[in-house]
């Protein structure tokens, strides 16, 4: 199963983004997990995209995650009712470093808002304050359903389950080397957010033990640098805020990501 999903997650690197429908850009906000929301004054924006972006993560314990956004659908008018939907697939390897539990991979996928073998949901941001010409504060939100795996040590069996996620937070973003004559070619950002994961009680206790709560609260901090047509890098630290009496939840998880666009980015 992991091998199949890993191959599937890498397929988009050989496929161009497709466009089925277009609408005037004044009615669509550009929205994805790498870029800001913004209204483009000229041209057109896609309301349906295939294979738009992907990334590779390096995670604590020597784990690697490959992930690709298979489809994006932008529903509605941002000035009235707007509901963007994404569909992602990915795969994560087991820890290669000694001293880490076999369940660290599933634990990291539950905590990460874009983790999971399959991740379907909606995410976006709302500008709340602007400072000068290049810095802005935004409120973040996300609702998601993720498919994750764990291992029951007592039963010696793999367990699959769906994890539901709610996320809210704040982001500060500043554009780099922006002049009056030339548009910005880069941006740096910092975000902090709280995630709440809801899981099946029976399956969670089978994986982590009867002392584990089935609903998890996570604190997350991420920062990144996005340079147009050159690099999109980010670093994150994720920590469970409950269940810390259980060793696997006690320490935080570090994630370093290299993101790539499979479709042309909108300026």
C-alpha atoms as a PDB file:
ATOM      1  CA  UNK A   1       0.000   0.000   0.000  1.00  0.00           C
ATOM      2  CA  UNK A   2       2.789   2.459   0.925  1.00  0.00           C
ATOM      3  CA  UNK A   3       4.721   1.624  -2.240  1.00  0.00           C
ATOM      4  CA  UNK A   4       1.658   2.188  -4.423  1.00  0.00           C
ATOM      5  CA  UNK A   5       0.838   5.545  -2.806  1.00  0.00           C
ATOM      6  CA  UNK A   6       4.465   6.667  -2.980  1.00  0.00           C
ATOM      7  CA  UNK A   7       4.508   6.018  -6.731  1.00  0.00           C
ATOM      8  CA  UNK A   8       1.131   7.711  -7.105  1.00  0.00           C
ATOM      9  CA  UNK A   9       2.350  10.765  -5.219  1.00  0.00           C
ATOM     10  CA  UNK A  10       5.276  11.170  -7.626  1.00  0.00           C
ATOM     11  CA  UNK A  11       3.238  10.845 -10.815  1.00  0.00           C
ATOM     12  CA  UNK A  12       2.312  14.569 -10.886  1.00  0.00           C
ATOM     13  CA  UNK A  13       5.949  15.558 -11.413  1.00  0.00           C
ATOM     14  CA  UNK A  14       5.551  14.336 -14.983  1.00  0.00           C
ATOM     15  CA  UNK A  15       2.117  15.854 -15.616  1.00  0.00           C
ATOM     16  CA  UNK A  16       1.166  19.456 -16.491  1.00  0.00           C
ATOM     17  CA  UNK A  17      -1.718  21.165 -14.790  1.00  0.00           C
ATOM     18  CA  UNK A  18      -4.972  20.945 -16.767  1.00  0.00           C
ATOM     19  CA  UNK A  19      -7.726  23.529 -16.949  1.00  0.00           C
ATOM     20  CA  UNK A  20     -11.359  22.562 -17.441  1.00  0.00           C
ATOM     21  CA  UNK A  21     -13.074  25.857 -16.649  1.00  0.00           C
ATOM     22  CA  UNK A  22     -12.105  29.498 -16.407  1.00  0.00           C
ATOM     23  CA  UNK A  23     -13.800  32.576 -15.040  1.00  0.00           C
ATOM     24  CA  UNK A  24     -12.723  36.224 -14.911  1.00  0.00           C
ATOM     25  CA  UNK A  25     -10.036  36.611 -12.273  1.00  0.00           C
ATOM     26  CA  UNK A  26     -11.847  39.411 -10.468  1.00  0.00           C
ATOM     27  CA  UNK A  27     -14.222  36.705  -9.196  1.00  0.00           C
ATOM     28  CA  UNK A  28     -11.619  34.194  -8.016  1.00  0.00           C
ATOM     29  CA  UNK A  29      -9.028  34.434  -5.242  1.00  0.00           C
ATOM     30  CA  UNK A  30      -5.821  32.512  -5.812  1.00  0.00           C
ATOM     31  CA  UNK A  31      -5.648  30.041  -2.915  1.00  0.00           C
ATOM     32  CA  UNK A  32      -3.236  27.225  -2.163  1.00  0.00           C
ATOM     33  CA  UNK A  33      -0.962  26.081   0.640  1.00  0.00           C
ATOM     34  CA  UNK A  34       2.094  27.748  -0.856  1.00  0.00           C
ATOM     35  CA  UNK A  35       0.706  31.111  -2.026  1.00  0.00           C
ATOM     36  CA  UNK A  36      -1.239  34.032  -0.635  1.00  0.00           C
ATOM     37  CA  UNK A  37      -4.808  34.826  -1.450  1.00  0.00           C
ATOM     38  CA  UNK A  38      -4.891  37.669  -3.909  1.00  0.00           C
ATOM     39  CA  UNK A  39      -7.163  39.056  -6.584  1.00  0.00           C
ATOM     40  CA  UNK A  40      -5.506  39.320  -9.965  1.00  0.00           C
ATOM     41  CA  UNK A  41      -6.758  42.349 -11.897  1.00  0.00           C
ATOM     42  CA  UNK A  42      -6.182  41.016 -15.401  1.00  0.00           C
ATOM     43  CA  UNK A  43      -6.550  37.684 -17.169  1.00  0.00           C
ATOM     44  CA  UNK A  44      -8.287  34.552 -15.974  1.00  0.00           C
ATOM     45  CA  UNK A  45      -8.021  32.132 -13.069  1.00  0.00           C
ATOM     46  CA  UNK A  46      -8.607  28.414 -13.051  1.00  0.00           C
ATOM     47  CA  UNK A  47     -11.526  27.118 -11.028  1.00  0.00           C
ATOM     48  CA  UNK A  48     -10.488  23.476 -11.519  1.00  0.00           C
ATOM     49  CA  UNK A  49      -6.864  22.317 -11.551  1.00  0.00           C
ATOM     50  CA  UNK A  50      -5.166  18.934 -11.655  1.00  0.00           C
ATOM     51  CA  UNK A  51      -1.702  18.190 -10.250  1.00  0.00           C
ATOM     52  CA  UNK A  52      -0.957  21.773  -9.226  1.00  0.00           C
ATOM     53  CA  UNK A  53       1.731  21.271  -6.575  1.00  0.00           C
ATOM     54  CA  UNK A  54       3.619  18.824  -4.397  1.00  0.00           C
ATOM     55  CA  UNK A  55       6.369  18.579  -1.840  1.00  0.00           C
ATOM     56  CA  UNK A  56       8.890  16.322  -0.133  1.00  0.00           C
ATOM     57  CA  UNK A  57       9.265  16.444   3.674  1.00  0.00           C
ATOM     58  CA  UNK A  58      12.098  15.323   5.900  1.00  0.00           C
ATOM     59  CA  UNK A  59      10.689  14.519   9.352  1.00  0.00           C
ATOM     60  CA  UNK A  60      12.184  13.719  12.757  1.00  0.00           C
ATOM     61  CA  UNK A  61      13.407  10.134  13.023  1.00  0.00           C
ATOM     62  CA  UNK A  62      14.681  10.021   9.431  1.00  0.00           C
ATOM     63  CA  UNK A  63      11.230   9.759   7.845  1.00  0.00           C
ATOM     64  CA  UNK A  64      10.430  10.999   4.340  1.00  0.00           C
ATOM     65  CA  UNK A  65       6.999  12.059   3.131  1.00  0.00           C
ATOM     66  CA  UNK A  66       6.057  12.596  -0.510  1.00  0.00           C
ATOM     67  CA  UNK A  67       2.834  14.466  -1.185  1.00  0.00           C
ATOM     68  CA  UNK A  68       1.012  15.840  -4.230  1.00  0.00           C
ATOM     69  CA  UNK A  69      -2.098  17.950  -4.673  1.00  0.00           C
ATOM     70  CA  UNK A  70      -4.132  15.923  -7.157  1.00  0.00           C
ATOM     71  CA  UNK A  71      -7.005  18.359  -7.647  1.00  0.00           C
ATOM     72  CA  UNK A  72      -8.234  21.813  -6.630  1.00  0.00           C
ATOM     73  CA  UNK A  73     -11.761  23.145  -7.055  1.00  0.00           C
ATOM     74  CA  UNK A  74     -12.593  26.800  -6.317  1.00  0.00           C
ATOM     75  CA  UNK A  75     -16.324  27.055  -5.709  1.00  0.00           C
ATOM     76  CA  UNK A  76     -18.212  30.334  -5.586  1.00  0.00           C
ATOM     77  CA  UNK A  77     -17.345  34.020  -5.562  1.00  0.00           C
ATOM     78  CA  UNK A  78     -14.831  35.254  -2.949  1.00  0.00           C
ATOM     79  CA  UNK A  79     -16.836  38.449  -2.493  1.00  0.00           C
ATOM     80  CA  UNK A  80     -19.988  36.452  -1.632  1.00  0.00           C
ATOM     81  CA  UNK A  81     -19.606  32.733  -0.910  1.00  0.00           C
ATOM     82  CA  UNK A  82     -16.288  30.991  -1.484  1.00  0.00           C
ATOM     83  CA  UNK A  83     -15.436  27.344  -0.782  1.00  0.00           C
ATOM     84  CA  UNK A  84     -12.112  26.043  -2.153  1.00  0.00           C
ATOM     85  CA  UNK A  85     -11.638  22.259  -1.998  1.00  0.00           C
ATOM     86  CA  UNK A  86      -8.422  20.240  -2.403  1.00  0.00           C
ATOM     87  CA  UNK A  87      -7.592  16.538  -2.764  1.00  0.00           C
ATOM     88  CA  UNK A  88      -4.099  15.317  -1.866  1.00  0.00           C
ATOM     89  CA  UNK A  89      -2.341  11.937  -1.746  1.00  0.00           C
ATOM     90  CA  UNK A  90       0.929  11.055  -0.077  1.00  0.00           C
ATOM     91  CA  UNK A  91       3.074   8.427   1.552  1.00  0.00           C
ATOM     92  CA  UNK A  92       5.401   8.414   4.534  1.00  0.00           C
ATOM     93  CA  UNK A  93       8.310   6.092   5.286  1.00  0.00           C
ATOM     94  CA  UNK A  94       9.039   4.468   8.646  1.00  0.00           C
ATOM     95  CA  UNK A  95      11.718   5.965  10.945  1.00  0.00           C
ATOM     96  CA  UNK A  96      15.267   5.001  10.001  1.00  0.00           C
ATOM     97  CA  UNK A  97      16.915   6.270  13.191  1.00  0.00           C
ATOM     98  CA  UNK A  98      17.107   4.090  16.304  1.00  0.00           C
ATOM     99  CA  UNK A  99      14.939   4.724  19.339  1.00  0.00           C
ATOM    100  CA  UNK A 100      11.777   5.782  17.488  1.00  0.00           C
ATOM    101  CA  UNK A 101       8.473   3.919  17.655  1.00  0.00           C
ATOM    102  CA  UNK A 102       7.034   2.245  14.586  1.00  0.00           C
ATOM    103  CA  UNK A 103       3.951   4.409  15.190  1.00  0.00           C
ATOM    104  CA  UNK A 104       5.850   7.684  14.791  1.00  0.00           C
ATOM    105  CA  UNK A 105       4.834   7.862  11.103  1.00  0.00           C
ATOM    106  CA  UNK A 106       1.123   7.697  11.879  1.00  0.00           C
ATOM    107  CA  UNK A 107       1.567  10.069  14.816  1.00  0.00           C
ATOM    108  CA  UNK A 108       3.256  12.648  12.563  1.00  0.00           C
ATOM    109  CA  UNK A 109       0.531  12.281   9.926  1.00  0.00           C
ATOM    110  CA  UNK A 110      -2.253  12.916  12.441  1.00  0.00           C
ATOM    111  CA  UNK A 111      -0.477  16.004  13.798  1.00  0.00           C
ATOM    112  CA  UNK A 112       0.438  17.500  10.406  1.00  0.00           C
ATOM    113  CA  UNK A 113      -2.488  19.342   8.850  1.00  0.00           C
ATOM    114  CA  UNK A 114      -1.539  18.192   5.334  1.00  0.00           C
ATOM    115  CA  UNK A 115      -0.480  14.687   6.386  1.00  0.00           C
ATOM    116  CA  UNK A 116      -2.179  11.390   5.648  1.00  0.00           C
ATOM    117  CA  UNK A 117      -2.258   8.912   2.806  1.00  0.00           C
ATOM    118  CA  UNK A 118      -5.331  10.725   1.506  1.00  0.00           C
ATOM    119  CA  UNK A 119      -6.201  14.265   2.592  1.00  0.00           C
ATOM    120  CA  UNK A 120      -9.407  15.992   1.480  1.00  0.00           C
ATOM    121  CA  UNK A 121     -10.559  19.349   2.765  1.00  0.00           C
ATOM    122  CA  UNK A 122     -10.790  23.098   2.469  1.00  0.00           C
ATOM    123  CA  UNK A 123      -8.237  25.686   3.561  1.00  0.00           C
ATOM    124  CA  UNK A 124      -7.822  29.403   3.200  1.00  0.00           C
ATOM    125  CA  UNK A 125      -6.746  32.688   4.710  1.00  0.00           C
ATOM    126  CA  UNK A 126      -8.326  36.073   5.370  1.00  0.00           C
ATOM    127  CA  UNK A 127      -6.345  39.296   5.447  1.00  0.00           C
ATOM    128  CA  UNK A 128      -6.919  41.143   8.724  1.00  0.00           C
ATOM    129  CA  UNK A 129      -4.245  43.876   8.739  1.00  0.00           C
ATOM    130  CA  UNK A 130      -1.687  45.408   6.357  1.00  0.00           C
ATOM    131  CA  UNK A 131       1.509  47.189   7.407  1.00  0.00           C
ATOM    132  CA  UNK A 132       3.073  49.346   4.723  1.00  0.00           C
ATOM    133  CA  UNK A 133       3.204  48.007   1.174  1.00  0.00           C
ATOM    134  CA  UNK A 134       4.758  44.619   1.814  1.00  0.00           C
ATOM    135  CA  UNK A 135       3.617  43.103   5.144  1.00  0.00           C
ATOM    136  CA  UNK A 136       0.254  41.680   6.084  1.00  0.00           C
ATOM    137  CA  UNK A 137      -1.384  39.651   8.852  1.00  0.00           C
ATOM    138  CA  UNK A 138      -3.861  36.910   7.961  1.00  0.00           C
ATOM    139  CA  UNK A 139      -6.208  34.542   9.761  1.00  0.00           C
ATOM    140  CA  UNK A 140      -5.936  30.879   8.717  1.00  0.00           C
ATOM    141  CA  UNK A 141      -8.475  28.071   8.673  1.00  0.00           C
ATOM    142  CA  UNK A 142      -8.680  24.458   7.543  1.00  0.00           C
ATOM    143  CA  UNK A 143     -11.141  21.561   7.697  1.00  0.00           C
ATOM    144  CA  UNK A 144      -9.812  18.189   6.578  1.00  0.00           C
ATOM    145  CA  UNK A 145     -10.373  14.436   6.530  1.00  0.00           C
ATOM    146  CA  UNK A 146      -7.214  12.306   6.509  1.00  0.00           C
ATOM    147  CA  UNK A 147      -6.569   8.589   6.038  1.00  0.00           C
ATOM    148  CA  UNK A 148      -3.739   7.423   8.339  1.00  0.00           C
ATOM    149  CA  UNK A 149      -2.220   4.123   9.448  1.00  0.00           C
ATOM    150  CA  UNK A 150      -0.974   2.800  12.764  1.00  0.00           C
ATOM    151  CA  UNK A 151       0.232  -0.477  14.237  1.00  0.00           C
ATOM    152  CA  UNK A 152      -1.369  -2.329  17.131  1.00  0.00           C
ATOM    153  CA  UNK A 153       1.541  -3.765  19.092  1.00  0.00           C
ATOM    154  CA  UNK A 154      -0.667  -6.189  21.025  1.00  0.00           C
ATOM    155  CA  UNK A 155      -2.445  -7.515  17.932  1.00  0.00           C
ATOM    156  CA  UNK A 156       0.633  -7.181  15.694  1.00  0.00           C
ATOM    157  CA  UNK A 157      -1.603  -5.775  12.962  1.00  0.00           C
ATOM    158  CA  UNK A 158      -1.837  -2.654  10.828  1.00  0.00           C
ATOM    159  CA  UNK A 159      -4.781  -0.376  11.564  1.00  0.00           C
ATOM    160  CA  UNK A 160      -6.239   2.139   9.110  1.00  0.00           C
ATOM    161  CA  UNK A 161      -8.489   4.971  10.201  1.00  0.00           C
ATOM    162  CA  UNK A 162      -9.816   8.387   9.251  1.00  0.00           C
ATOM    163  CA  UNK A 163      -8.746  11.426  11.261  1.00  0.00           C
ATOM    164  CA  UNK A 164     -10.838  14.606  11.143  1.00  0.00           C
ATOM    165  CA  UNK A 165      -9.021  17.911  11.602  1.00  0.00           C
ATOM    166  CA  UNK A 166      -9.943  21.481  12.508  1.00  0.00           C
ATOM    167  CA  UNK A 167      -7.242  24.162  12.293  1.00  0.00           C
ATOM    168  CA  UNK A 168      -7.110  27.878  12.982  1.00  0.00           C
ATOM    169  CA  UNK A 169      -4.207  30.265  13.320  1.00  0.00           C
ATOM    170  CA  UNK A 170      -2.405  33.441  12.282  1.00  0.00           C
ATOM    171  CA  UNK A 171       0.199  34.207   9.610  1.00  0.00           C
ATOM    172  CA  UNK A 172       2.480  37.183   9.006  1.00  0.00           C
ATOM    173  CA  UNK A 173       3.919  37.543   5.523  1.00  0.00           C
ATOM    174  CA  UNK A 174       6.298  40.066   4.017  1.00  0.00           C
ATOM    175  CA  UNK A 175       7.327  40.480   0.413  1.00  0.00           C
ATOM    176  CA  UNK A 176      11.015  40.713  -0.443  1.00  0.00           C
ATOM    177  CA  UNK A 177      12.970  43.108  -2.692  1.00  0.00           C
ATOM    178  CA  UNK A 178       9.845  44.939  -3.822  1.00  0.00           C
ATOM    179  CA  UNK A 179      10.306  48.242  -5.644  1.00  0.00           C
ATOM    180  CA  UNK A 180       7.915  50.715  -7.231  1.00  0.00           C
ATOM    181  CA  UNK A 181       8.956  49.611 -10.708  1.00  0.00           C
ATOM    182  CA  UNK A 182       9.343  45.855 -10.209  1.00  0.00           C
ATOM    183  CA  UNK A 183       6.955  43.423  -8.499  1.00  0.00           C
ATOM    184  CA  UNK A 184       8.118  41.272  -5.610  1.00  0.00           C
ATOM    185  CA  UNK A 185       9.892  38.053  -6.607  1.00  0.00           C
ATOM    186  CA  UNK A 186       9.797  36.522  -3.163  1.00  0.00           C
ATOM    187  CA  UNK A 187       8.182  36.395   0.243  1.00  0.00           C
ATOM    188  CA  UNK A 188       9.005  35.247   3.755  1.00  0.00           C
ATOM    189  CA  UNK A 189       6.336  34.136   6.199  1.00  0.00           C
ATOM    190  CA  UNK A 190       5.724  32.878   9.715  1.00  0.00           C
ATOM    191  CA  UNK A 191       2.583  31.126  10.905  1.00  0.00           C
ATOM    192  CA  UNK A 192       1.372  29.663  14.165  1.00  0.00           C
ATOM    193  CA  UNK A 193      -1.784  27.607  14.535  1.00  0.00           C
ATOM    194  CA  UNK A 194      -3.693  25.166  16.710  1.00  0.00           C
ATOM    195  CA  UNK A 195      -5.008  21.897  15.294  1.00  0.00           C
ATOM    196  CA  UNK A 196      -7.656  19.614  16.761  1.00  0.00           C
ATOM    197  CA  UNK A 197      -7.788  16.014  15.506  1.00  0.00           C
ATOM    198  CA  UNK A 198     -10.784  13.742  16.116  1.00  0.00           C
ATOM    199  CA  UNK A 199     -10.192  10.000  15.867  1.00  0.00           C
ATOM    200  CA  UNK A 200     -11.885   6.653  16.470  1.00  0.00           C
ATOM    201  CA  UNK A 201     -11.484   5.824  20.186  1.00  0.00           C
ATOM    202  CA  UNK A 202     -11.196   2.043  19.777  1.00  0.00           C
ATOM    203  CA  UNK A 203      -8.510   2.281  17.097  1.00  0.00           C
ATOM    204  CA  UNK A 204      -6.517   4.960  18.922  1.00  0.00           C
ATOM    205  CA  UNK A 205      -6.431   2.974  22.176  1.00  0.00           C
ATOM    206  CA  UNK A 206      -5.434  -0.137  20.222  1.00  0.00           C
ATOM    207  CA  UNK A 207      -2.451   1.759  18.769  1.00  0.00           C
ATOM    208  CA  UNK A 208      -1.362   3.951  21.673  1.00  0.00           C
ATOM    209  CA  UNK A 209      -2.866   2.207  24.710  1.00  0.00           C
ATOM    210  CA  UNK A 210      -5.893   2.684  26.906  1.00  0.00           C
ATOM    211  CA  UNK A 211      -4.456   5.787  28.600  1.00  0.00           C
ATOM    212  CA  UNK A 212      -4.501   7.738  25.329  1.00  0.00           C
ATOM    213  CA  UNK A 213      -7.240  10.229  24.567  1.00  0.00           C
ATOM    214  CA  UNK A 214      -8.669   9.731  21.083  1.00  0.00           C
ATOM    215  CA  UNK A 215      -8.832  13.476  20.288  1.00  0.00           C
ATOM    216  CA  UNK A 216      -5.503  15.304  19.955  1.00  0.00           C
ATOM    217  CA  UNK A 217      -4.596  18.982  20.264  1.00  0.00           C
ATOM    218  CA  UNK A 218      -1.475  20.166  18.443  1.00  0.00           C
ATOM    219  CA  UNK A 219       0.550  23.375  18.584  1.00  0.00           C
ATOM    220  CA  UNK A 220       2.340  24.243  15.356  1.00  0.00           C
ATOM    221  CA  UNK A 221       4.863  26.851  14.198  1.00  0.00           C
ATOM    222  CA  UNK A 222       6.085  27.140  10.602  1.00  0.00           C
ATOM    223  CA  UNK A 223       8.251  29.574   8.660  1.00  0.00           C
ATOM    224  CA  UNK A 224       9.222  29.669   5.025  1.00  0.00           C
ATOM    225  CA  UNK A 225      10.821  31.437   2.092  1.00  0.00           C
ATOM    226  CA  UNK A 226       9.300  31.430  -1.387  1.00  0.00           C
ATOM    227  CA  UNK A 227      11.390  32.827  -4.253  1.00  0.00           C
ATOM    228  CA  UNK A 228       9.583  32.823  -7.569  1.00  0.00           C
ATOM    229  CA  UNK A 229      10.868  30.243 -10.071  1.00  0.00           C
ATOM    230  CA  UNK A 230      13.709  29.329  -7.707  1.00  0.00           C
ATOM    231  CA  UNK A 231      12.789  27.903  -4.302  1.00  0.00           C
ATOM    232  CA  UNK A 232       9.891  27.280  -1.936  1.00  0.00           C
ATOM    233  CA  UNK A 233      11.264  26.035   1.390  1.00  0.00           C
ATOM    234  CA  UNK A 234       9.705  25.762   4.815  1.00  0.00           C
ATOM    235  CA  UNK A 235      10.561  24.568   8.303  1.00  0.00           C
ATOM    236  CA  UNK A 236       8.074  23.545  10.961  1.00  0.00           C
ATOM    237  CA  UNK A 237       7.869  22.371  14.546  1.00  0.00           C
ATOM    238  CA  UNK A 238       4.788  20.419  15.675  1.00  0.00           C
ATOM    239  CA  UNK A 239       3.990  19.419  19.257  1.00  0.00           C
ATOM    240  CA  UNK A 240       1.089  17.563  20.823  1.00  0.00           C
ATOM    241  CA  UNK A 241      -0.390  19.572  23.693  1.00  0.00           C
ATOM    242  CA  UNK A 242      -2.214  16.642  25.303  1.00  0.00           C
ATOM    243  CA  UNK A 243      -1.358  12.952  25.847  1.00  0.00           C
ATOM    244  CA  UNK A 244       2.157  13.974  26.851  1.00  0.00           C
ATOM    245  CA  UNK A 245       2.209  11.310  29.576  1.00  0.00           C
ATOM    246  CA  UNK A 246       2.681   8.819  26.706  1.00  0.00           C
ATOM    247  CA  UNK A 247       6.305   8.793  25.404  1.00  0.00           C
ATOM    248  CA  UNK A 248       5.461   9.052  21.696  1.00  0.00           C
ATOM    249  CA  UNK A 249       3.575  12.331  22.291  1.00  0.00           C
ATOM    250  CA  UNK A 250       6.122  13.810  24.663  1.00  0.00           C
ATOM    251  CA  UNK A 251       8.616  15.221  22.139  1.00  0.00           C
ATOM    252  CA  UNK A 252       7.954  17.557  19.247  1.00  0.00           C
ATOM    253  CA  UNK A 253       8.299  16.715  15.555  1.00  0.00           C
ATOM    254  CA  UNK A 254      10.494  18.723  13.194  1.00  0.00           C
ATOM    255  CA  UNK A 255       9.646  18.966   9.500  1.00  0.00           C
ATOM    256  CA  UNK A 256      11.732  20.425   6.671  1.00  0.00           C
ATOM    257  CA  UNK A 257       9.908  20.752   3.328  1.00  0.00           C
ATOM    258  CA  UNK A 258      10.869  21.452  -0.258  1.00  0.00           C
ATOM    259  CA  UNK A 259       7.801  22.386  -2.285  1.00  0.00           C
ATOM    260  CA  UNK A 260       7.421  22.425  -6.049  1.00  0.00           C
ATOM    261  CA  UNK A 261       4.784  23.741  -8.423  1.00  0.00           C
ATOM    262  CA  UNK A 262       3.587  21.437 -11.178  1.00  0.00           C
ATOM    263  CA  UNK A 263       1.567  24.243 -12.747  1.00  0.00           C
ATOM    264  CA  UNK A 264       2.503  27.797 -13.557  1.00  0.00           C
ATOM    265  CA  UNK A 265       2.169  30.035 -10.495  1.00  0.00           C
ATOM    266  CA  UNK A 266      -0.107  33.035 -10.734  1.00  0.00           C
ATOM    267  CA  UNK A 267       1.658  36.351 -10.098  1.00  0.00           C
END
